[in-house]
N, C-alpha and C. Protein backbone atom coordinates (compact mmCIF):
# COMPACT_ATOMS: atom_id res chain seq x y z
N UNK A 1 0.82 -1.20 0.00
CA UNK A 1 0.00 0.00 0.00
C UNK A 1 0.86 1.26 0.00
N UNK A 2 1.95 1.26 0.78
CA UNK A 2 2.81 2.42 0.85
C UNK A 2 3.46 2.73 -0.50
N UNK A 3 3.90 1.71 -1.24
CA UNK A 3 4.52 1.91 -2.55
C UNK A 3 3.53 2.56 -3.52
N UNK A 4 2.27 2.12 -3.45
CA UNK A 4 1.26 2.69 -4.34
C UNK A 4 1.02 4.17 -4.02
N UNK A 5 0.96 4.52 -2.75
CA UNK A 5 0.74 5.91 -2.36
C UNK A 5 1.89 6.79 -2.83
N UNK A 6 3.13 6.32 -2.71
CA UNK A 6 4.26 7.13 -3.15
C UNK A 6 4.30 7.26 -4.66
N UNK A 7 3.87 6.23 -5.40
CA UNK A 7 3.86 6.34 -6.86
C UNK A 7 2.77 7.29 -7.32
N UNK A 8 1.66 7.34 -6.61
CA UNK A 8 0.61 8.30 -6.95
C UNK A 8 1.13 9.72 -6.72
N UNK A 9 1.85 9.94 -5.62
CA UNK A 9 2.40 11.27 -5.35
C UNK A 9 3.42 11.66 -6.42
N UNK A 10 4.25 10.72 -6.85
CA UNK A 10 5.24 10.98 -7.88
C UNK A 10 4.55 11.31 -9.21
N UNK A 11 3.51 10.56 -9.55
CA UNK A 11 2.76 10.83 -10.78
C UNK A 11 2.11 12.21 -10.74
N UNK A 12 1.54 12.56 -9.60
CA UNK A 12 0.91 13.87 -9.45
C UNK A 12 1.96 14.98 -9.59
N UNK A 13 3.10 14.78 -8.98
CA UNK A 13 4.19 15.75 -9.07
C UNK A 13 4.62 15.91 -10.53
N UNK A 14 4.76 14.81 -11.23
CA UNK A 14 5.21 14.88 -12.62
C UNK A 14 4.18 15.59 -13.51
N UNK A 15 2.88 15.35 -13.25
CA UNK A 15 1.84 16.05 -14.01
C UNK A 15 1.88 17.56 -13.74
N UNK A 16 2.01 17.93 -12.48
CA UNK A 16 2.07 19.35 -12.13
C UNK A 16 3.32 20.00 -12.72
N UNK A 17 4.42 19.30 -12.66
CA UNK A 17 5.68 19.84 -13.19
C UNK A 17 5.58 20.04 -14.70
N UNK A 18 5.04 19.06 -15.39
CA UNK A 18 4.89 19.18 -16.85
C UNK A 18 3.95 20.33 -17.20
N UNK A 19 2.87 20.48 -16.44
CA UNK A 19 1.92 21.57 -16.70
C UNK A 19 2.57 22.93 -16.43
N UNK A 20 3.38 23.02 -15.38
CA UNK A 20 4.04 24.28 -15.04
C UNK A 20 5.07 24.67 -16.10
N UNK A 21 5.65 23.69 -16.76
CA UNK A 21 6.67 23.96 -17.78
C UNK A 21 6.09 24.10 -19.18
N UNK A 22 4.78 24.01 -19.31
CA UNK A 22 4.14 24.11 -20.62
C UNK A 22 4.46 25.47 -21.24
N UNK A 23 4.94 25.46 -22.46
CA UNK A 23 5.31 26.70 -23.16
C UNK A 23 4.48 26.93 -24.41
N UNK A 24 3.44 26.14 -24.59
CA UNK A 24 2.60 26.27 -25.78
C UNK A 24 1.74 27.52 -25.72
N UNK A 25 1.07 27.78 -26.82
CA UNK A 25 0.18 28.92 -26.92
C UNK A 25 -1.02 28.74 -25.99
N UNK A 26 -1.46 29.82 -25.36
CA UNK A 26 -2.62 29.78 -24.48
C UNK A 26 -3.87 29.88 -25.35
N UNK A 27 -4.61 28.78 -25.40
CA UNK A 27 -5.82 28.72 -26.23
C UNK A 27 -6.93 28.02 -25.45
N UNK A 28 -8.13 28.09 -26.00
CA UNK A 28 -9.25 27.35 -25.42
C UNK A 28 -10.03 28.14 -24.40
N UNK A 29 -11.22 27.65 -24.13
CA UNK A 29 -12.14 28.26 -23.18
C UNK A 29 -12.20 29.76 -23.43
N UNK A 30 -12.03 30.58 -22.40
CA UNK A 30 -12.10 32.03 -22.59
C UNK A 30 -10.75 32.70 -22.36
N UNK A 31 -9.67 31.95 -22.42
CA UNK A 31 -8.35 32.50 -22.11
C UNK A 31 -7.85 33.53 -23.11
N UNK A 32 -8.41 33.55 -24.31
CA UNK A 32 -7.96 34.50 -25.32
C UNK A 32 -8.67 35.84 -25.27
N UNK A 33 -9.64 36.02 -24.36
CA UNK A 33 -10.39 37.27 -24.31
C UNK A 33 -9.54 38.47 -23.93
N UNK A 34 -8.61 38.27 -23.04
CA UNK A 34 -7.78 39.38 -22.58
C UNK A 34 -6.46 38.81 -22.09
N UNK A 35 -5.37 39.44 -22.44
CA UNK A 35 -4.04 38.96 -22.03
C UNK A 35 -3.64 39.69 -20.75
N UNK A 36 -4.08 39.16 -19.64
CA UNK A 36 -3.79 39.78 -18.35
C UNK A 36 -2.30 39.61 -18.02
N UNK A 37 -1.62 40.68 -17.57
CA UNK A 37 -0.19 40.54 -17.25
C UNK A 37 0.03 39.61 -16.07
N UNK A 38 1.12 38.89 -16.09
CA UNK A 38 1.54 37.99 -15.00
C UNK A 38 0.57 36.85 -14.77
N UNK A 39 -0.14 36.46 -15.79
CA UNK A 39 -1.05 35.33 -15.65
C UNK A 39 -0.24 34.03 -15.62
N UNK A 40 -0.87 32.98 -15.13
CA UNK A 40 -0.17 31.71 -15.14
C UNK A 40 -0.86 30.74 -16.07
N UNK A 41 -0.18 29.67 -16.37
CA UNK A 41 -0.61 28.71 -17.37
C UNK A 41 -1.94 28.05 -17.02
N UNK A 42 -2.89 28.03 -17.97
CA UNK A 42 -4.13 27.30 -17.73
C UNK A 42 -3.88 25.81 -17.52
N UNK A 43 -2.85 25.28 -18.17
CA UNK A 43 -2.52 23.86 -17.99
C UNK A 43 -2.12 23.59 -16.54
N UNK A 44 -1.32 24.49 -15.96
CA UNK A 44 -0.91 24.31 -14.57
C UNK A 44 -2.10 24.48 -13.62
N UNK A 45 -2.91 25.50 -13.86
CA UNK A 45 -4.09 25.71 -13.01
C UNK A 45 -5.01 24.49 -13.07
N UNK A 46 -5.24 23.98 -14.27
CA UNK A 46 -6.11 22.81 -14.42
C UNK A 46 -5.54 21.58 -13.73
N UNK A 47 -4.23 21.36 -13.88
CA UNK A 47 -3.60 20.20 -13.24
C UNK A 47 -3.67 20.31 -11.72
N UNK A 48 -3.43 21.50 -11.18
CA UNK A 48 -3.50 21.69 -9.73
C UNK A 48 -4.92 21.50 -9.21
N UNK A 49 -5.90 22.02 -9.94
CA UNK A 49 -7.29 21.87 -9.53
C UNK A 49 -7.70 20.40 -9.55
N UNK A 50 -7.30 19.69 -10.60
CA UNK A 50 -7.61 18.26 -10.66
C UNK A 50 -6.93 17.48 -9.54
N UNK A 51 -5.72 17.87 -9.19
CA UNK A 51 -4.96 17.14 -8.17
C UNK A 51 -5.50 17.38 -6.76
N UNK A 52 -5.87 18.61 -6.46
CA UNK A 52 -6.18 18.97 -5.08
C UNK A 52 -7.66 19.14 -4.76
N UNK A 53 -8.53 19.04 -5.78
CA UNK A 53 -9.97 19.18 -5.53
C UNK A 53 -10.73 18.08 -6.26
N UNK A 54 -11.99 17.96 -5.89
CA UNK A 54 -12.88 17.00 -6.56
C UNK A 54 -14.06 17.77 -7.12
N UNK A 55 -14.79 17.13 -8.03
CA UNK A 55 -15.96 17.76 -8.62
C UNK A 55 -16.91 18.23 -7.52
N UNK A 56 -17.39 19.46 -7.66
CA UNK A 56 -18.31 20.02 -6.67
C UNK A 56 -17.62 20.79 -5.56
N UNK A 57 -16.30 20.67 -5.42
CA UNK A 57 -15.57 21.41 -4.38
C UNK A 57 -15.57 22.91 -4.68
N UNK A 58 -15.30 23.68 -3.65
CA UNK A 58 -15.18 25.13 -3.78
C UNK A 58 -13.72 25.49 -4.00
N UNK A 59 -13.46 26.31 -5.04
CA UNK A 59 -12.11 26.81 -5.31
C UNK A 59 -12.14 28.31 -5.07
N UNK A 60 -11.29 28.77 -4.16
CA UNK A 60 -11.18 30.19 -3.84
C UNK A 60 -9.89 30.72 -4.46
N UNK A 61 -10.01 31.79 -5.23
CA UNK A 61 -8.84 32.46 -5.80
C UNK A 61 -8.83 33.89 -5.28
N UNK A 62 -8.06 34.18 -4.22
CA UNK A 62 -8.08 35.51 -3.62
C UNK A 62 -7.37 36.57 -4.47
N UNK A 63 -6.60 36.15 -5.47
CA UNK A 63 -5.92 37.07 -6.38
C UNK A 63 -6.27 36.64 -7.80
N UNK A 64 -7.53 36.82 -8.18
CA UNK A 64 -8.07 36.24 -9.41
C UNK A 64 -7.38 36.70 -10.68
N UNK A 65 -6.89 37.92 -10.71
CA UNK A 65 -6.21 38.40 -11.91
C UNK A 65 -7.08 38.23 -13.14
N UNK A 66 -6.55 37.54 -14.15
CA UNK A 66 -7.29 37.33 -15.39
C UNK A 66 -8.30 36.21 -15.33
N UNK A 67 -8.48 35.57 -14.20
CA UNK A 67 -9.51 34.57 -14.02
C UNK A 67 -9.14 33.17 -14.49
N UNK A 68 -7.86 32.90 -14.71
CA UNK A 68 -7.44 31.59 -15.22
C UNK A 68 -7.89 30.45 -14.31
N UNK A 69 -7.62 30.56 -13.02
CA UNK A 69 -8.01 29.49 -12.10
C UNK A 69 -9.52 29.35 -12.03
N UNK A 70 -10.23 30.45 -12.10
CA UNK A 70 -11.70 30.41 -12.04
C UNK A 70 -12.27 29.68 -13.26
N UNK A 71 -11.76 30.02 -14.44
CA UNK A 71 -12.23 29.40 -15.67
C UNK A 71 -11.93 27.90 -15.65
N UNK A 72 -10.71 27.54 -15.27
CA UNK A 72 -10.32 26.13 -15.25
C UNK A 72 -11.12 25.35 -14.21
N UNK A 73 -11.40 25.95 -13.07
CA UNK A 73 -12.18 25.28 -12.04
C UNK A 73 -13.62 25.06 -12.50
N UNK A 74 -14.22 26.08 -13.09
CA UNK A 74 -15.58 25.94 -13.61
C UNK A 74 -15.66 24.86 -14.68
N UNK A 75 -14.65 24.81 -15.55
CA UNK A 75 -14.63 23.81 -16.61
C UNK A 75 -14.52 22.39 -16.06
N UNK A 76 -14.04 22.26 -14.83
CA UNK A 76 -13.89 20.95 -14.20
C UNK A 76 -14.99 20.67 -13.17
N UNK A 77 -16.05 21.46 -13.18
CA UNK A 77 -17.19 21.20 -12.33
C UNK A 77 -17.05 21.64 -10.89
N UNK A 78 -16.18 22.61 -10.64
CA UNK A 78 -16.02 23.14 -9.29
C UNK A 78 -16.84 24.42 -9.14
N UNK A 79 -17.15 24.77 -7.91
CA UNK A 79 -17.76 26.06 -7.58
C UNK A 79 -16.62 27.01 -7.31
N UNK A 80 -16.75 28.27 -7.72
CA UNK A 80 -15.62 29.20 -7.59
C UNK A 80 -16.01 30.48 -6.88
N UNK A 81 -15.05 31.05 -6.19
CA UNK A 81 -15.13 32.39 -5.64
C UNK A 81 -13.81 33.07 -6.00
N UNK A 82 -13.91 34.23 -6.63
CA UNK A 82 -12.71 34.98 -7.00
C UNK A 82 -12.76 36.37 -6.41
N UNK A 83 -11.59 36.90 -6.12
CA UNK A 83 -11.47 38.23 -5.54
C UNK A 83 -10.21 38.87 -6.09
N UNK A 84 -10.24 40.18 -6.27
CA UNK A 84 -9.04 40.91 -6.66
C UNK A 84 -9.25 42.37 -6.32
N UNK A 85 -8.18 43.05 -5.95
CA UNK A 85 -8.26 44.47 -5.61
C UNK A 85 -8.36 45.33 -6.87
N UNK A 86 -7.89 44.80 -7.99
CA UNK A 86 -7.87 45.52 -9.25
C UNK A 86 -9.24 45.41 -9.93
N UNK A 87 -9.89 46.54 -10.18
CA UNK A 87 -11.23 46.51 -10.78
C UNK A 87 -11.20 45.95 -12.20
N UNK A 88 -10.10 46.14 -12.92
CA UNK A 88 -9.98 45.56 -14.26
C UNK A 88 -9.95 44.03 -14.15
N UNK A 89 -9.23 43.50 -13.18
CA UNK A 89 -9.17 42.05 -12.98
C UNK A 89 -10.54 41.49 -12.66
N UNK A 90 -11.30 42.18 -11.83
CA UNK A 90 -12.65 41.73 -11.48
C UNK A 90 -13.53 41.73 -12.72
N UNK A 91 -13.44 42.79 -13.52
CA UNK A 91 -14.23 42.87 -14.75
C UNK A 91 -13.87 41.74 -15.71
N UNK A 92 -12.58 41.53 -15.95
CA UNK A 92 -12.12 40.48 -16.87
C UNK A 92 -12.58 39.11 -16.38
N UNK A 93 -12.44 38.85 -15.09
CA UNK A 93 -12.84 37.56 -14.54
C UNK A 93 -14.35 37.34 -14.66
N UNK A 94 -15.13 38.39 -14.45
CA UNK A 94 -16.58 38.27 -14.59
C UNK A 94 -16.96 37.97 -16.04
N UNK A 95 -16.32 38.67 -16.98
CA UNK A 95 -16.60 38.43 -18.39
C UNK A 95 -16.26 37.00 -18.77
N UNK A 96 -15.10 36.53 -18.32
CA UNK A 96 -14.64 35.20 -18.71
C UNK A 96 -15.42 34.07 -18.05
N UNK A 97 -16.12 34.35 -16.97
CA UNK A 97 -16.83 33.28 -16.25
C UNK A 97 -18.35 33.40 -16.31
N UNK A 98 -18.87 34.37 -17.04
CA UNK A 98 -20.32 34.54 -17.15
C UNK A 98 -20.88 33.57 -18.18
N UNK A 99 -21.79 32.69 -17.75
CA UNK A 99 -22.40 31.77 -18.72
C UNK A 99 -23.37 32.54 -19.63
N UNK A 100 -23.35 32.20 -20.91
CA UNK A 100 -24.21 32.87 -21.89
C UNK A 100 -25.17 31.86 -22.51
N UNK A 101 -26.36 32.35 -22.85
CA UNK A 101 -27.31 31.52 -23.59
C UNK A 101 -26.90 31.50 -25.06
N UNK A 102 -27.46 30.59 -25.81
CA UNK A 102 -27.17 30.50 -27.25
C UNK A 102 -27.54 31.81 -27.95
N UNK A 103 -28.70 32.38 -27.60
CA UNK A 103 -29.12 33.63 -28.26
C UNK A 103 -28.17 34.78 -27.91
N UNK A 104 -27.63 34.82 -26.72
CA UNK A 104 -26.66 35.85 -26.35
C UNK A 104 -25.36 35.68 -27.15
N UNK A 105 -24.92 34.44 -27.32
CA UNK A 105 -23.71 34.17 -28.09
C UNK A 105 -23.90 34.61 -29.54
N UNK A 106 -25.06 34.29 -30.12
CA UNK A 106 -25.36 34.69 -31.50
C UNK A 106 -25.36 36.21 -31.60
N UNK A 107 -25.98 36.89 -30.65
CA UNK A 107 -26.02 38.35 -30.65
C UNK A 107 -24.64 38.97 -30.56
N UNK A 108 -23.79 38.42 -29.72
CA UNK A 108 -22.43 38.94 -29.57
C UNK A 108 -21.63 38.73 -30.86
N UNK A 109 -21.79 37.55 -31.47
CA UNK A 109 -21.09 37.29 -32.73
C UNK A 109 -21.54 38.25 -33.83
N UNK A 110 -22.84 38.50 -33.90
CA UNK A 110 -23.35 39.44 -34.91
C UNK A 110 -22.80 40.83 -34.66
N UNK A 111 -22.78 41.27 -33.41
CA UNK A 111 -22.23 42.58 -33.06
C UNK A 111 -20.76 42.66 -33.43
N UNK A 112 -19.99 41.59 -33.14
CA UNK A 112 -18.56 41.58 -33.44
C UNK A 112 -18.32 41.66 -34.94
N UNK A 113 -19.13 40.94 -35.73
CA UNK A 113 -18.98 40.99 -37.19
C UNK A 113 -19.30 42.38 -37.72
N UNK A 114 -20.35 43.01 -37.18
CA UNK A 114 -20.69 44.38 -37.60
C UNK A 114 -19.59 45.35 -37.21
N UNK A 115 -19.04 45.19 -36.02
CA UNK A 115 -17.98 46.07 -35.55
C UNK A 115 -16.74 45.91 -36.40
N UNK A 116 -16.43 44.68 -36.76
CA UNK A 116 -15.25 44.41 -37.57
C UNK A 116 -15.39 45.05 -38.95
N UNK A 117 -16.56 44.94 -39.57
CA UNK A 117 -16.75 45.52 -40.89
C UNK A 117 -16.72 47.05 -40.80
N UNK A 118 -17.20 47.61 -39.70
CA UNK A 118 -17.15 49.06 -39.51
C UNK A 118 -15.71 49.53 -39.40
N UNK A 119 -14.88 48.80 -38.62
CA UNK A 119 -13.48 49.18 -38.44
C UNK A 119 -12.73 49.11 -39.76
N UNK A 120 -13.06 48.15 -40.59
CA UNK A 120 -12.35 47.99 -41.86
C UNK A 120 -12.71 49.09 -42.86
N UNK A 121 -13.92 49.62 -42.77
CA UNK A 121 -14.35 50.61 -43.75
C UNK A 121 -14.13 52.04 -43.27
N UNK A 122 -13.84 52.25 -41.98
CA UNK A 122 -13.63 53.61 -41.51
C UNK A 122 -12.29 54.12 -42.02
N UNK A 123 -12.21 55.43 -42.27
CA UNK A 123 -10.98 56.02 -42.79
C UNK A 123 -10.39 56.92 -41.72
N UNK A 124 -9.46 56.39 -40.95
CA UNK A 124 -8.88 57.12 -39.83
C UNK A 124 -8.04 58.30 -40.32
N UNK A 125 -7.35 58.14 -41.44
CA UNK A 125 -6.48 59.22 -41.93
C UNK A 125 -7.27 60.48 -42.27
N UNK A 126 -8.40 60.32 -42.96
CA UNK A 126 -9.18 61.51 -43.30
C UNK A 126 -9.79 62.12 -42.05
N UNK A 127 -10.14 61.30 -41.06
CA UNK A 127 -10.67 61.82 -39.81
C UNK A 127 -9.60 62.58 -39.05
N UNK A 128 -8.37 62.05 -39.03
CA UNK A 128 -7.28 62.68 -38.30
C UNK A 128 -6.90 64.02 -38.90
N UNK A 129 -7.13 64.18 -40.22
CA UNK A 129 -6.80 65.44 -40.88
C UNK A 129 -7.82 66.52 -40.56
N UNK A 130 -8.98 66.14 -40.10
CA UNK A 130 -10.04 67.08 -39.79
C UNK A 130 -9.65 67.95 -38.59
N UNK A 131 -9.96 69.25 -38.61
CA UNK A 131 -9.62 70.11 -37.48
C UNK A 131 -10.39 69.76 -36.21
N UNK A 132 -11.51 69.05 -36.33
CA UNK A 132 -12.32 68.68 -35.17
C UNK A 132 -11.91 67.34 -34.56
N UNK A 133 -10.93 66.68 -35.17
CA UNK A 133 -10.51 65.37 -34.69
C UNK A 133 -9.54 65.53 -33.52
N UNK A 134 -9.84 64.85 -32.42
CA UNK A 134 -8.94 64.84 -31.27
C UNK A 134 -8.84 63.43 -30.75
N UNK A 135 -7.65 63.03 -30.46
CA UNK A 135 -7.41 61.69 -29.93
C UNK A 135 -7.00 61.83 -28.48
N UNK A 136 -7.71 61.16 -27.60
CA UNK A 136 -7.41 61.22 -26.18
C UNK A 136 -6.90 59.87 -25.71
N UNK A 137 -5.86 59.88 -24.92
CA UNK A 137 -5.32 58.67 -24.33
C UNK A 137 -5.80 58.62 -22.89
N UNK A 138 -6.75 57.75 -22.62
CA UNK A 138 -7.29 57.64 -21.27
C UNK A 138 -6.74 56.38 -20.63
N UNK A 139 -5.70 56.55 -19.85
CA UNK A 139 -5.10 55.39 -19.20
C UNK A 139 -5.99 54.94 -18.04
N UNK A 140 -5.74 53.72 -17.56
CA UNK A 140 -6.55 53.18 -16.47
C UNK A 140 -6.44 54.01 -15.21
N UNK A 141 -5.29 54.64 -14.99
CA UNK A 141 -5.16 55.45 -13.77
C UNK A 141 -6.10 56.65 -13.80
N UNK A 142 -6.48 57.10 -15.00
CA UNK A 142 -7.41 58.23 -15.12
C UNK A 142 -8.85 57.77 -15.21
N UNK A 143 -9.07 56.52 -15.56
CA UNK A 143 -10.44 56.01 -15.70
C UNK A 143 -10.99 55.70 -14.31
N UNK A 144 -12.08 56.28 -13.94
CA UNK A 144 -12.67 56.06 -12.62
C UNK A 144 -14.17 55.92 -12.77
N UNK A 145 -14.76 55.19 -11.83
CA UNK A 145 -16.21 55.12 -11.77
C UNK A 145 -16.73 56.47 -11.29
N UNK A 146 -17.90 56.91 -11.80
CA UNK A 146 -18.46 58.16 -11.31
C UNK A 146 -18.81 58.05 -9.83
N UNK A 147 -18.56 59.11 -9.12
CA UNK A 147 -18.88 59.11 -7.69
C UNK A 147 -20.37 59.30 -7.49
N UNK A 148 -20.88 58.60 -6.51
CA UNK A 148 -22.30 58.74 -6.16
C UNK A 148 -22.48 59.94 -5.26
N UNK A 149 -23.56 60.68 -5.50
CA UNK A 149 -23.77 61.85 -4.64
C UNK A 149 -24.64 61.52 -3.48
């Protein structure tokens, strides 16, 4: 019995190590929606979730960031709670983990196709030459929620 337990631990370690060293492109699920800085590998998050939790368990991510652990946990049938001090991280995680109906997915795809065709046909150069054209750079440090009175 002891030999079997140690071989299971070694196998788990090898799976986690391989997932941590994964250098392939990040694809699948909702990981391509936003490239959050300092994110970690979905393969590693998935391997760790599979190793340390079971279906139906609660996964808490106190530093959710881009939501990688949340997405991977949901995909494996876990319940999730995510938290982050960064409002952009909270927004990205909510977007990536919000379940959509088929009609919502169709609507988003139609909107994206319309937006793409609009971007391709707009003429930025002629707009930039106009005296009324102004380009503003609004960084996140300047972007704030309106204060409630």
